[in-house]
Amino acid sequence: MSDAAASTPPTDEIVSATPELAVVVPVRNEADNVLPLIEEIHQALAGGPEFEVVYVDDGSTDATGDRLAEARRRYPRLRIVRHRAACGQSQAVATGIRHARAPMIATLDGDGQNDPADIPALLERWRAAPESMRPRLLIAGWRAKRRDTVWRRLASRAANAIRSRLLGDDTPDTGCGTKLFPRDLFLDLPRFDHMHRFLPALVLRAGGQVESVAVNHRPRERGRSKYGNLRRAIVGVPDLLGVMWLMRRATNPVIEIADP
């Protein structure tokens, strides 16, 4: 082996034209978390379904773009989409899903607290469902053991209880970034800022079903959180009222196709 070959970093194998699964990760100013998380995603899915990784850089002002470019040279499965200006996490998720080629979507937060090793179990749970249910089925991660501050855990518990009571979505943890669902299901949902916090309710509104699966949650090791409890509460109230209105206005007709 030549010295040049020996010094070349290992690269991922060539990605298929249409992968089965896309892992969508929204990020803003997460430069220190980019490479570690991408490496974990590839380790978690090695030997599994054909997959792609879609990162959406939501107008980062740090070195996130440089780290993504560095990762792309090593991992051909990585696709990078960038917002010129920050548009928020929900829009970043939607952008990533629209640019994904795979029919199945797994989402992760970009801060490293979600564990990519949970994705295969969520996919198996989806595959185990009856075939007729799968096109409208969301598998939602449930952080049964939160690795956050006491105040954040208490705030999240209260918010989940209020939301579940008012929306009837019967989901213990809608804020968990680890989720898996068909791409077409998401594209049928109404989209608005912060919608990612209400995906279970929106799926139920569309006539789908939701199953919650316990997933690993890890403390943040690098970077800083972009949200505080007060900010979440302030923006959450009008969003909750809006989703309540959407739930009450939902209609799901039974379609019959007449013979030609």
C-alpha atoms as a PDB file:
ATOM      1  CA  MET A   1       0.000   0.000   0.000  1.00  0.00           C
ATOM      2  CA  SER A   2       1.322   3.417  -0.929  1.00  0.00           C
ATOM      3  CA  ASP A   3       1.839   6.148   1.613  1.00  0.00           C
ATOM      4  CA  ALA A   4      -0.918   8.175  -0.078  1.00  0.00           C
ATOM      5  CA  ALA A   5      -3.390   5.309   0.227  1.00  0.00           C
ATOM      6  CA  ALA A   6      -2.420   4.667   3.818  1.00  0.00           C
ATOM      7  CA  SER A   7      -3.047   8.286   4.743  1.00  0.00           C
ATOM      8  CA  THR A   8      -6.489   8.423   3.091  1.00  0.00           C
ATOM      9  CA  PRO A   9      -9.257   8.356   5.721  1.00  0.00           C
ATOM     10  CA  PRO A  10     -11.683   5.427   5.526  1.00  0.00           C
ATOM     11  CA  THR A  11     -14.760   6.153   3.447  1.00  0.00           C
ATOM     12  CA  ASP A  12     -18.274   4.762   3.495  1.00  0.00           C
ATOM     13  CA  GLU A  13     -19.356   2.422   0.701  1.00  0.00           C
ATOM     14  CA  ILE A  14     -21.290   3.773  -2.271  1.00  0.00           C
ATOM     15  CA  VAL A  15     -24.895   4.563  -1.411  1.00  0.00           C
ATOM     16  CA  SER A  16     -27.718   2.957  -3.378  1.00  0.00           C
ATOM     17  CA  ALA A  17     -29.948   5.051  -5.636  1.00  0.00           C
ATOM     18  CA  THR A  18     -32.976   4.698  -3.348  1.00  0.00           C
ATOM     19  CA  PRO A  19     -32.127   3.893   0.280  1.00  0.00           C
ATOM     20  CA  GLU A  20     -34.772   2.424   2.557  1.00  0.00           C
ATOM     21  CA  LEU A  21     -34.185   4.815   5.446  1.00  0.00           C
ATOM     22  CA  ALA A  22     -33.195   8.467   5.798  1.00  0.00           C
ATOM     23  CA  VAL A  23     -31.898   9.811   9.105  1.00  0.00           C
ATOM     24  CA  VAL A  24     -32.787  13.504   9.255  1.00  0.00           C
ATOM     25  CA  VAL A  25     -30.852  15.705  11.680  1.00  0.00           C
ATOM     26  CA  PRO A  26     -31.544  19.448  12.082  1.00  0.00           C
ATOM     27  CA  VAL A  27     -28.662  21.486  13.519  1.00  0.00           C
ATOM     28  CA  ARG A  28     -27.870  25.069  14.385  1.00  0.00           C
ATOM     29  CA  ASN A  29     -24.472  25.958  15.871  1.00  0.00           C
ATOM     30  CA  GLU A  30     -23.601  22.362  16.799  1.00  0.00           C
ATOM     31  CA  ALA A  31     -20.087  22.236  15.344  1.00  0.00           C
ATOM     32  CA  ASP A  32     -18.669  20.090  18.146  1.00  0.00           C
ATOM     33  CA  ASN A  33     -21.454  17.511  17.851  1.00  0.00           C
ATOM     34  CA  VAL A  34     -21.458  16.993  14.079  1.00  0.00           C
ATOM     35  CA  LEU A  35     -18.678  14.437  13.592  1.00  0.00           C
ATOM     36  CA  PRO A  36     -19.328  12.351  16.736  1.00  0.00           C
ATOM     37  CA  LEU A  37     -23.034  11.975  15.936  1.00  0.00           C
ATOM     38  CA  ILE A  38     -22.518  11.152  12.260  1.00  0.00           C
ATOM     39  CA  GLU A  39     -20.029   8.473  13.222  1.00  0.00           C
ATOM     40  CA  GLU A  40     -22.523   7.019  15.715  1.00  0.00           C
ATOM     41  CA  ILE A  41     -25.295   6.949  13.109  1.00  0.00           C
ATOM     42  CA  HIS A  42     -23.149   4.967  10.710  1.00  0.00           C
ATOM     43  CA  GLN A  43     -22.054   2.564  13.437  1.00  0.00           C
ATOM     44  CA  ALA A  44     -25.645   2.023  14.570  1.00  0.00           C
ATOM     45  CA  LEU A  45     -26.935   1.249  11.064  1.00  0.00           C
ATOM     46  CA  ALA A  46     -23.957  -0.719   9.735  1.00  0.00           C
ATOM     47  CA  GLY A  47     -25.139  -4.047   8.347  1.00  0.00           C
ATOM     48  CA  GLY A  48     -28.759  -2.909   8.408  1.00  0.00           C
ATOM     49  CA  PRO A  49     -30.977  -1.317   5.773  1.00  0.00           C
ATOM     50  CA  GLU A  50     -29.604   0.899   3.043  1.00  0.00           C
ATOM     51  CA  PHE A  51     -29.698   4.410   4.456  1.00  0.00           C
ATOM     52  CA  GLU A  52     -28.788   8.027   3.897  1.00  0.00           C
ATOM     53  CA  VAL A  53     -28.123  10.788   6.402  1.00  0.00           C
ATOM     54  CA  VAL A  54     -29.605  14.226   5.724  1.00  0.00           C
ATOM     55  CA  TYR A  55     -28.280  17.114   7.803  1.00  0.00           C
ATOM     56  CA  VAL A  56     -30.041  20.460   7.649  1.00  0.00           C
ATOM     57  CA  ASP A  57     -27.857  23.365   8.757  1.00  0.00           C
ATOM     58  CA  ASP A  58     -30.383  25.916   9.995  1.00  0.00           C
ATOM     59  CA  GLY A  59     -28.351  29.074   9.397  1.00  0.00           C
ATOM     60  CA  SER A  60     -25.453  28.205  11.712  1.00  0.00           C
ATOM     61  CA  THR A  61     -22.991  30.991  12.502  1.00  0.00           C
ATOM     62  CA  ASP A  62     -20.238  28.785  13.927  1.00  0.00           C
ATOM     63  CA  ALA A  63     -18.099  26.097  12.250  1.00  0.00           C
ATOM     64  CA  THR A  64     -21.006  23.675  11.751  1.00  0.00           C
ATOM     65  CA  GLY A  65     -20.786  24.037   7.963  1.00  0.00           C
ATOM     66  CA  ASP A  66     -17.063  23.260   7.969  1.00  0.00           C
ATOM     67  CA  ARG A  67     -17.563  20.174  10.113  1.00  0.00           C
ATOM     68  CA  LEU A  68     -20.337  18.948   7.813  1.00  0.00           C
ATOM     69  CA  ALA A  69     -18.123  19.422   4.757  1.00  0.00           C
ATOM     70  CA  GLU A  70     -15.391  17.464   6.509  1.00  0.00           C
ATOM     71  CA  ALA A  71     -17.829  14.671   7.349  1.00  0.00           C
ATOM     72  CA  ARG A  72     -19.132  14.561   3.765  1.00  0.00           C
ATOM     73  CA  ARG A  73     -15.667  13.755   2.451  1.00  0.00           C
ATOM     74  CA  ARG A  74     -15.611  10.662   4.640  1.00  0.00           C
ATOM     75  CA  TYR A  75     -19.247   9.566   4.491  1.00  0.00           C
ATOM     76  CA  PRO A  76     -20.821   9.584   0.996  1.00  0.00           C
ATOM     77  CA  ARG A  77     -24.198   8.749   2.545  1.00  0.00           C
ATOM     78  CA  LEU A  78     -24.259  12.210   4.091  1.00  0.00           C
ATOM     79  CA  ARG A  79     -26.340  14.847   2.325  1.00  0.00           C
ATOM     80  CA  ILE A  80     -26.197  18.479   3.439  1.00  0.00           C
ATOM     81  CA  VAL A  81     -28.899  21.106   3.054  1.00  0.00           C
ATOM     82  CA  ARG A  82     -28.460  24.637   4.384  1.00  0.00           C
ATOM     83  CA  HIS A  83     -30.867  27.415   5.284  1.00  0.00           C
ATOM     84  CA  ARG A  84     -29.280  30.803   4.584  1.00  0.00           C
ATOM     85  CA  ALA A  85     -31.024  32.146   7.711  1.00  0.00           C
ATOM     86  CA  ALA A  86     -32.342  30.316  10.751  1.00  0.00           C
ATOM     87  CA  CYS A  87     -35.938  29.155  10.246  1.00  0.00           C
ATOM     88  CA  GLY A  88     -36.408  26.990  13.335  1.00  0.00           C
ATOM     89  CA  GLN A  89     -36.255  23.289  14.096  1.00  0.00           C
ATOM     90  CA  SER A  90     -39.613  22.342  12.591  1.00  0.00           C
ATOM     91  CA  GLN A  91     -38.773  23.943   9.260  1.00  0.00           C
ATOM     92  CA  ALA A  92     -35.336  22.304   9.313  1.00  0.00           C
ATOM     93  CA  VAL A  93     -36.920  18.887   9.871  1.00  0.00           C
ATOM     94  CA  ALA A  94     -39.405  19.516   7.055  1.00  0.00           C
ATOM     95  CA  THR A  95     -36.620  20.611   4.708  1.00  0.00           C
ATOM     96  CA  GLY A  96     -34.637  17.464   5.461  1.00  0.00           C
ATOM     97  CA  ILE A  97     -37.633  15.211   4.867  1.00  0.00           C
ATOM     98  CA  ARG A  98     -38.482  16.903   1.571  1.00  0.00           C
ATOM     99  CA  HIS A  99     -34.887  16.394   0.388  1.00  0.00           C
ATOM    100  CA  ALA A 100     -34.721  12.766   1.564  1.00  0.00           C
ATOM    101  CA  ARG A 101     -35.019  10.025  -1.042  1.00  0.00           C
ATOM    102  CA  ALA A 102     -35.918   7.163   1.300  1.00  0.00           C
ATOM    103  CA  PRO A 103     -39.557   6.196   2.006  1.00  0.00           C
ATOM    104  CA  MET A 104     -38.861   5.861   5.753  1.00  0.00           C
ATOM    105  CA  ILE A 105     -37.654   8.702   7.965  1.00  0.00           C
ATOM    106  CA  ALA A 106     -35.892   8.603  11.332  1.00  0.00           C
ATOM    107  CA  THR A 107     -35.264  11.908  13.102  1.00  0.00           C
ATOM    108  CA  LEU A 108     -32.681  12.799  15.724  1.00  0.00           C
ATOM    109  CA  ASP A 109     -31.843  16.060  17.476  1.00  0.00           C
ATOM    110  CA  GLY A 110     -28.380  17.316  16.563  1.00  0.00           C
ATOM    111  CA  ASP A 111     -27.146  17.875  20.125  1.00  0.00           C
ATOM    112  CA  GLY A 112     -26.074  14.254  20.689  1.00  0.00           C
ATOM    113  CA  GLN A 113     -28.601  13.538  23.458  1.00  0.00           C
ATOM    114  CA  ASN A 114     -30.612  11.155  21.245  1.00  0.00           C
ATOM    115  CA  ASP A 115     -28.939   7.778  20.746  1.00  0.00           C
ATOM    116  CA  PRO A 116     -28.731   6.563  17.109  1.00  0.00           C
ATOM    117  CA  ALA A 117     -28.490   2.993  18.441  1.00  0.00           C
ATOM    118  CA  ASP A 118     -32.252   3.187  19.118  1.00  0.00           C
ATOM    119  CA  ILE A 119     -33.139   3.551  15.438  1.00  0.00           C
ATOM    120  CA  PRO A 120     -33.001  -0.178  14.498  1.00  0.00           C
ATOM    121  CA  ALA A 121     -35.429  -1.048  17.319  1.00  0.00           C
ATOM    122  CA  LEU A 122     -37.875   1.632  16.178  1.00  0.00           C
ATOM    123  CA  LEU A 123     -37.670   0.330  12.621  1.00  0.00           C
ATOM    124  CA  GLU A 124     -38.310  -3.237  13.762  1.00  0.00           C
ATOM    125  CA  ARG A 125     -41.308  -2.052  15.787  1.00  0.00           C
ATOM    126  CA  TRP A 126     -42.713  -0.393  12.684  1.00  0.00           C
ATOM    127  CA  ARG A 127     -42.112  -3.489  10.557  1.00  0.00           C
ATOM    128  CA  ALA A 128     -43.854  -5.681  13.154  1.00  0.00           C
ATOM    129  CA  ALA A 129     -47.097  -3.739  12.794  1.00  0.00           C
ATOM    130  CA  PRO A 130     -49.820  -5.033  10.457  1.00  0.00           C
ATOM    131  CA  GLU A 131     -49.095  -4.076   6.877  1.00  0.00           C
ATOM    132  CA  SER A 132     -52.316  -2.096   6.611  1.00  0.00           C
ATOM    133  CA  MET A 133     -51.273   0.079   9.587  1.00  0.00           C
ATOM    134  CA  ARG A 134     -47.715   0.909   8.555  1.00  0.00           C
ATOM    135  CA  PRO A 135     -48.394   3.739   6.068  1.00  0.00           C
ATOM    136  CA  ARG A 136     -50.004   5.819   8.856  1.00  0.00           C
ATOM    137  CA  LEU A 137     -47.896   4.692  11.823  1.00  0.00           C
ATOM    138  CA  LEU A 138     -45.545   6.906  13.836  1.00  0.00           C
ATOM    139  CA  ILE A 139     -43.099   5.297  16.260  1.00  0.00           C
ATOM    140  CA  ALA A 140     -42.275   7.910  18.906  1.00  0.00           C
ATOM    141  CA  GLY A 141     -39.288   7.740  21.225  1.00  0.00           C
ATOM    142  CA  TRP A 142     -39.994   8.021  24.938  1.00  0.00           C
ATOM    143  CA  ARG A 143     -37.186   9.317  27.158  1.00  0.00           C
ATOM    144  CA  ALA A 144     -38.269   7.325  30.208  1.00  0.00           C
ATOM    145  CA  LYS A 145     -35.042   8.283  32.012  1.00  0.00           C
ATOM    146  CA  ARG A 146     -34.290  11.904  31.168  1.00  0.00           C
ATOM    147  CA  ARG A 147     -30.684  13.090  31.494  1.00  0.00           C
ATOM    148  CA  ASP A 148     -31.542  16.761  31.879  1.00  0.00           C
ATOM    149  CA  THR A 149     -31.621  19.201  34.779  1.00  0.00           C
ATOM    150  CA  VAL A 150     -34.303  18.790  37.437  1.00  0.00           C
ATOM    151  CA  TRP A 151     -36.093  21.941  36.271  1.00  0.00           C
ATOM    152  CA  ARG A 152     -36.184  20.803  32.663  1.00  0.00           C
ATOM    153  CA  ARG A 153     -37.515  17.382  33.647  1.00  0.00           C
ATOM    154  CA  LEU A 154     -40.248  18.941  35.775  1.00  0.00           C
ATOM    155  CA  ALA A 155     -41.189  21.414  33.053  1.00  0.00           C
ATOM    156  CA  SER A 156     -41.318  18.667  30.441  1.00  0.00           C
ATOM    157  CA  ARG A 157     -43.449  16.430  32.664  1.00  0.00           C
ATOM    158  CA  ALA A 158     -45.938  19.235  33.264  1.00  0.00           C
ATOM    159  CA  ALA A 159     -46.080  20.189  29.582  1.00  0.00           C
ATOM    160  CA  ASN A 160     -46.615  16.589  28.497  1.00  0.00           C
ATOM    161  CA  ALA A 161     -49.423  16.131  31.024  1.00  0.00           C
ATOM    162  CA  ILE A 162     -51.225  19.301  29.911  1.00  0.00           C
ATOM    163  CA  ARG A 163     -50.796  18.523  26.228  1.00  0.00           C
ATOM    164  CA  SER A 164     -51.946  14.915  26.611  1.00  0.00           C
ATOM    165  CA  ARG A 165     -55.028  15.999  28.537  1.00  0.00           C
ATOM    166  CA  LEU A 166     -56.047  18.645  26.008  1.00  0.00           C
ATOM    167  CA  LEU A 167     -55.123  16.824  22.787  1.00  0.00           C
ATOM    168  CA  GLY A 168     -55.753  13.222  23.824  1.00  0.00           C
ATOM    169  CA  ASP A 169     -52.668  12.014  21.968  1.00  0.00           C
ATOM    170  CA  ASP A 170     -51.808   9.455  24.694  1.00  0.00           C
ATOM    171  CA  THR A 171     -48.077  10.024  24.127  1.00  0.00           C
ATOM    172  CA  PRO A 172     -45.808  10.343  27.179  1.00  0.00           C
ATOM    173  CA  ASP A 173     -43.021  12.312  25.460  1.00  0.00           C
ATOM    174  CA  THR A 174     -43.807  14.232  22.277  1.00  0.00           C
ATOM    175  CA  GLY A 175     -40.667  16.368  22.677  1.00  0.00           C
ATOM    176  CA  CYS A 176     -38.280  13.470  22.076  1.00  0.00           C
ATOM    177  CA  GLY A 177     -36.369  14.001  18.832  1.00  0.00           C
ATOM    178  CA  THR A 178     -36.111  10.260  18.159  1.00  0.00           C
ATOM    179  CA  LYS A 179     -39.013   9.330  15.883  1.00  0.00           C
ATOM    180  CA  LEU A 180     -39.625   7.060  12.904  1.00  0.00           C
ATOM    181  CA  PHE A 181     -42.387   7.298  10.302  1.00  0.00           C
ATOM    182  CA  PRO A 182     -43.118   7.021   6.576  1.00  0.00           C
ATOM    183  CA  ARG A 183     -42.087  10.061   4.570  1.00  0.00           C
ATOM    184  CA  ASP A 184     -45.472  10.300   2.841  1.00  0.00           C
ATOM    185  CA  LEU A 185     -47.234  10.427   6.206  1.00  0.00           C
ATOM    186  CA  PHE A 186     -45.279  13.504   7.251  1.00  0.00           C
ATOM    187  CA  LEU A 187     -45.810  15.248   3.925  1.00  0.00           C
ATOM    188  CA  ASP A 188     -49.591  14.949   4.431  1.00  0.00           C
ATOM    189  CA  LEU A 189     -49.511  16.811   7.756  1.00  0.00           C
ATOM    190  CA  PRO A 190     -50.128  20.543   8.216  1.00  0.00           C
ATOM    191  CA  ARG A 191     -46.865  22.370   8.809  1.00  0.00           C
ATOM    192  CA  PHE A 192     -46.183  25.314  11.075  1.00  0.00           C
ATOM    193  CA  ASP A 193     -43.440  26.552  13.372  1.00  0.00           C
ATOM    194  CA  HIS A 194     -42.862  24.162  16.335  1.00  0.00           C
ATOM    195  CA  MET A 195     -44.999  21.443  14.733  1.00  0.00           C
ATOM    196  CA  HIS A 196     -42.331  18.867  15.596  1.00  0.00           C
ATOM    197  CA  ARG A 197     -43.566  18.987  19.207  1.00  0.00           C
ATOM    198  CA  PHE A 198     -47.062  17.931  18.121  1.00  0.00           C
ATOM    199  CA  LEU A 199     -46.373  15.168  15.598  1.00  0.00           C
ATOM    200  CA  PRO A 200     -48.316  12.453  17.504  1.00  0.00           C
ATOM    201  CA  ALA A 201     -51.465  14.601  17.683  1.00  0.00           C
ATOM    202  CA  LEU A 202     -51.134  15.578  14.022  1.00  0.00           C
ATOM    203  CA  VAL A 203     -50.725  11.938  12.974  1.00  0.00           C
ATOM    204  CA  LEU A 204     -53.834  10.975  14.958  1.00  0.00           C
ATOM    205  CA  ARG A 205     -55.682  13.871  13.337  1.00  0.00           C
ATOM    206  CA  ALA A 206     -54.741  12.424   9.938  1.00  0.00           C
ATOM    207  CA  GLY A 207     -56.255   9.058  10.878  1.00  0.00           C
ATOM    208  CA  GLY A 208     -52.942   7.441  11.784  1.00  0.00           C
ATOM    209  CA  GLN A 209     -51.680   5.679  14.867  1.00  0.00           C
ATOM    210  CA  VAL A 210     -48.857   6.307  17.319  1.00  0.00           C
ATOM    211  CA  GLU A 211     -46.783   3.866  19.346  1.00  0.00           C
ATOM    212  CA  SER A 212     -44.271   4.991  21.982  1.00  0.00           C
ATOM    213  CA  VAL A 213     -41.021   3.094  22.542  1.00  0.00           C
ATOM    214  CA  ALA A 214     -38.586   3.726  25.417  1.00  0.00           C
ATOM    215  CA  VAL A 215     -35.273   5.078  24.116  1.00  0.00           C
ATOM    216  CA  ASN A 216     -31.945   6.066  25.597  1.00  0.00           C
ATOM    217  CA  HIS A 217     -31.374   9.674  26.582  1.00  0.00           C
ATOM    218  CA  ARG A 218     -27.926  11.106  27.206  1.00  0.00           C
ATOM    219  CA  PRO A 219     -26.617  14.243  28.881  1.00  0.00           C
ATOM    220  CA  ARG A 220     -25.434  16.996  26.584  1.00  0.00           C
ATOM    221  CA  GLU A 221     -21.635  16.752  26.415  1.00  0.00           C
ATOM    222  CA  ARG A 222     -20.837  19.527  23.935  1.00  0.00           C
ATOM    223  CA  GLY A 223     -22.403  22.848  23.044  1.00  0.00           C
ATOM    224  CA  ARG A 224     -25.281  24.712  24.661  1.00  0.00           C
ATOM    225  CA  SER A 225     -29.042  24.253  24.579  1.00  0.00           C
ATOM    226  CA  LYS A 226     -30.906  26.664  22.290  1.00  0.00           C
ATOM    227  CA  TYR A 227     -34.073  26.719  24.404  1.00  0.00           C
ATOM    228  CA  GLY A 228     -35.042  27.593  27.958  1.00  0.00           C
ATOM    229  CA  ASN A 229     -38.110  26.507  29.896  1.00  0.00           C
ATOM    230  CA  LEU A 230     -39.679  29.983  29.794  1.00  0.00           C
ATOM    231  CA  ARG A 231     -39.239  30.332  26.049  1.00  0.00           C
ATOM    232  CA  ARG A 232     -40.751  26.895  25.469  1.00  0.00           C
ATOM    233  CA  ALA A 233     -43.765  27.802  27.594  1.00  0.00           C
ATOM    234  CA  ILE A 234     -44.322  31.164  25.875  1.00  0.00           C
ATOM    235  CA  VAL A 235     -44.303  29.743  22.345  1.00  0.00           C
ATOM    236  CA  GLY A 236     -46.070  26.548  23.394  1.00  0.00           C
ATOM    237  CA  VAL A 237     -49.392  28.063  24.475  1.00  0.00           C
ATOM    238  CA  PRO A 238     -50.535  29.471  21.099  1.00  0.00           C
ATOM    239  CA  ASP A 239     -49.217  26.334  19.369  1.00  0.00           C
ATOM    240  CA  LEU A 240     -51.264  24.138  21.698  1.00  0.00           C
ATOM    241  CA  LEU A 241     -54.406  26.195  21.078  1.00  0.00           C
ATOM    242  CA  GLY A 242     -53.804  26.003  17.338  1.00  0.00           C
ATOM    243  CA  VAL A 243     -53.416  22.216  17.368  1.00  0.00           C
ATOM    244  CA  MET A 244     -56.571  21.901  19.485  1.00  0.00           C
ATOM    245  CA  TRP A 245     -58.413  23.821  16.756  1.00  0.00           C
ATOM    246  CA  LEU A 246     -56.917  21.606  14.040  1.00  0.00           C
ATOM    247  CA  MET A 247     -57.941  18.451  15.914  1.00  0.00           C
ATOM    248  CA  ARG A 248     -61.535  19.631  16.150  1.00  0.00           C
ATOM    249  CA  ARG A 249     -61.668  20.526  12.457  1.00  0.00           C
ATOM    250  CA  ALA A 250     -60.248  17.214  11.218  1.00  0.00           C
ATOM    251  CA  THR A 251     -62.118  15.094   8.676  1.00  0.00           C
ATOM    252  CA  ASN A 252     -60.935  11.703   7.402  1.00  0.00           C
ATOM    253  CA  PRO A 253     -63.218  10.451   4.637  1.00  0.00           C
ATOM    254  CA  VAL A 254     -63.442   6.774   3.686  1.00  0.00           C
ATOM    255  CA  ILE A 255     -62.450   6.653   0.027  1.00  0.00           C
ATOM    256  CA  GLU A 256     -64.218   4.403  -2.479  1.00  0.00           C
ATOM    257  CA  ILE A 257     -63.001   4.183  -6.067  1.00  0.00           C
ATOM    258  CA  ALA A 258     -65.755   3.647  -8.623  1.00  0.00           C
ATOM    259  CA  ASP A 259     -65.109   1.164 -11.413  1.00  0.00           C
ATOM    260  CA  PRO A 260     -64.333   2.871 -14.751  1.00  0.00           C
END
